[in-house]
Amino acid sequence: MIAYGAAKFNPTSKNELSAPTTYVSKRCAKHFPTIFVDEYNTTKVCHCCDERLCPVMKDAREVRGLRWCCSTKCRTFLNRDMNAALNILRCFRSGTNRPYSLARNSGIVSKPIKAMKLY
């Protein structure tokens, strides 16, 4: 069984190429049982403690793909894509009881996020 992120979006950054997500998802579904999982907040919430992740800044620019969990539990750097994959797995395993921090319309108000600065 494959839990596959169900996002369908275009590249957002300048000079960024789109990934062949539709092709890959169709190939997976052709050969394996595939469940599509909503990717809402999977890159923004820590897979360990459910706290919101902060961007990492270096020379006033965001370090692509790197996030900082600034909760008192974790306080660690996380790869954005690995964190998202682990959150998608959590959503898949939870079935219809998706984790509250990853649910749409959960009532959580976005707080301003402080960035972690590298010097």
Protein backbone atom coordinates (compact mmCIF):
# COMPACT_ATOMS: atom_id res chain seq x y z
CA MET A 1 0.00 0.00 0.00
CA ILE A 2 1.32 3.46 -0.92
CA ALA A 3 0.21 6.68 0.80
CA TYR A 4 0.72 9.38 -1.83
CA GLY A 5 0.46 13.14 -1.27
CA ALA A 6 -2.57 14.40 -3.19
CA ALA A 7 -1.33 17.94 -3.93
CA LYS A 8 -1.73 19.23 -7.46
CA PHE A 9 0.08 22.55 -7.75
CA ASN A 10 2.33 24.48 -10.08
CA PRO A 11 5.87 25.63 -9.26
CA THR A 12 5.88 28.88 -7.32
CA SER A 13 9.46 30.08 -7.48
CA LYS A 14 11.30 31.72 -10.34
CA ASN A 15 13.22 29.22 -12.51
CA GLU A 16 11.55 26.30 -10.76
CA LEU A 17 10.41 23.34 -12.82
CA SER A 18 7.25 21.44 -12.03
CA ALA A 19 7.59 17.89 -10.81
CA PRO A 20 5.89 15.11 -12.79
CA THR A 21 3.49 14.34 -9.94
CA THR A 22 0.53 13.28 -12.06
CA TYR A 23 2.60 10.84 -14.11
CA VAL A 24 4.28 9.32 -11.05
CA SER A 25 1.02 9.00 -9.11
CA LYS A 26 -0.68 7.25 -12.04
CA ARG A 27 2.24 4.83 -12.41
CA CYS A 28 2.13 4.03 -8.68
CA ALA A 29 -1.63 3.45 -8.81
CA LYS A 30 -1.21 1.16 -11.83
CA HIS A 31 1.16 -1.20 -10.00
CA PHE A 32 0.32 -0.80 -6.29
CA PRO A 33 -2.72 -0.08 -4.13
CA THR A 34 -2.44 3.71 -3.71
CA ILE A 35 -4.24 5.99 -1.26
CA PHE A 36 -4.10 9.74 -1.91
CA VAL A 37 -3.65 11.81 1.27
CA ASP A 38 -4.41 15.53 1.59
CA GLU A 39 -1.08 17.36 2.11
CA TYR A 40 -2.57 20.27 4.07
CA ASN A 41 0.02 21.63 6.57
CA THR A 42 2.32 18.59 6.26
CA THR A 43 5.38 20.77 5.59
CA LYS A 44 4.44 23.35 8.22
CA VAL A 45 3.86 21.19 11.32
CA CYS A 46 6.48 19.09 13.14
CA HIS A 47 5.81 15.36 12.82
CA CYS A 48 7.02 14.75 16.41
CA CYS A 49 5.36 17.42 18.52
CA ASP A 50 2.66 19.00 16.28
CA GLU A 51 4.13 22.49 16.70
CA ARG A 52 4.43 24.91 13.80
CA LEU A 53 7.84 24.93 12.08
CA CYS A 54 9.89 28.07 11.51
CA PRO A 55 11.88 28.89 8.37
CA VAL A 56 15.67 29.02 8.59
CA MET A 57 17.29 32.24 7.36
CA LYS A 58 20.86 32.81 6.21
CA ASP A 59 22.07 36.16 4.85
CA ALA A 60 18.47 37.46 4.93
CA ARG A 61 17.28 34.62 2.65
CA GLU A 62 15.32 31.52 3.50
CA VAL A 63 17.28 28.25 3.31
CA ARG A 64 15.21 26.16 0.89
CA GLY A 65 13.85 22.92 2.32
CA LEU A 66 15.12 23.47 5.87
CA ARG A 67 12.83 24.10 8.83
CA TRP A 68 13.41 24.60 12.56
CA CYS A 69 11.16 23.14 15.24
CA CYS A 70 11.40 25.70 17.99
CA SER A 71 9.19 23.87 20.50
CA THR A 72 10.74 22.96 23.83
CA LYS A 73 10.26 19.26 23.00
CA CYS A 74 12.20 19.07 19.73
CA ARG A 75 14.35 22.15 19.06
CA THR A 76 15.79 20.53 15.95
CA PHE A 77 16.35 21.14 12.24
CA LEU A 78 14.10 19.19 9.88
CA ASN A 79 14.15 18.54 6.16
CA ARG A 80 10.85 19.95 4.88
CA ASP A 81 10.15 17.07 2.47
CA MET A 82 11.02 14.31 4.97
CA ASN A 83 8.84 15.98 7.58
CA ALA A 84 5.97 16.16 5.06
CA ALA A 85 6.39 12.47 4.19
CA LEU A 86 6.24 11.49 7.87
CA ASN A 87 3.14 13.65 8.36
CA ILE A 88 1.48 12.05 5.31
CA LEU A 89 2.22 8.66 6.88
CA ARG A 90 0.64 9.83 10.16
CA CYS A 91 -2.48 10.96 8.28
CA PHE A 92 -2.68 7.67 6.42
CA ARG A 93 -2.34 5.61 9.60
CA SER A 94 -4.92 7.69 11.45
CA GLY A 95 -7.60 6.97 8.82
CA THR A 96 -10.57 9.26 9.28
CA ASN A 97 -9.17 10.71 12.55
CA ARG A 98 -6.58 12.97 10.96
CA PRO A 99 -4.27 14.69 13.51
CA TYR A 100 -5.83 17.98 14.64
CA SER A 101 -2.79 20.06 13.64
CA LEU A 102 -3.05 18.72 10.08
CA ALA A 103 -6.82 19.05 9.65
CA ARG A 104 -8.46 21.68 7.49
CA ASN A 105 -10.89 23.96 9.35
CA SER A 106 -9.35 22.97 12.68
CA GLY A 107 -9.85 26.48 14.03
CA ILE A 108 -6.12 27.01 14.54
CA VAL A 109 -5.27 30.63 13.86
CA SER A 110 -1.95 31.19 12.12
CA LYS A 111 0.51 32.90 14.42
CA PRO A 112 3.38 34.95 13.07
CA ILE A 113 6.36 32.64 12.63
CA LYS A 114 9.75 33.69 13.86
CA ALA A 115 12.66 32.64 11.69
CA MET A 116 15.77 30.84 12.88
CA LYS A 117 18.83 32.82 11.74
CA LEU A 118 22.09 31.14 10.80
CA TYR A 119 25.18 33.29 11.04
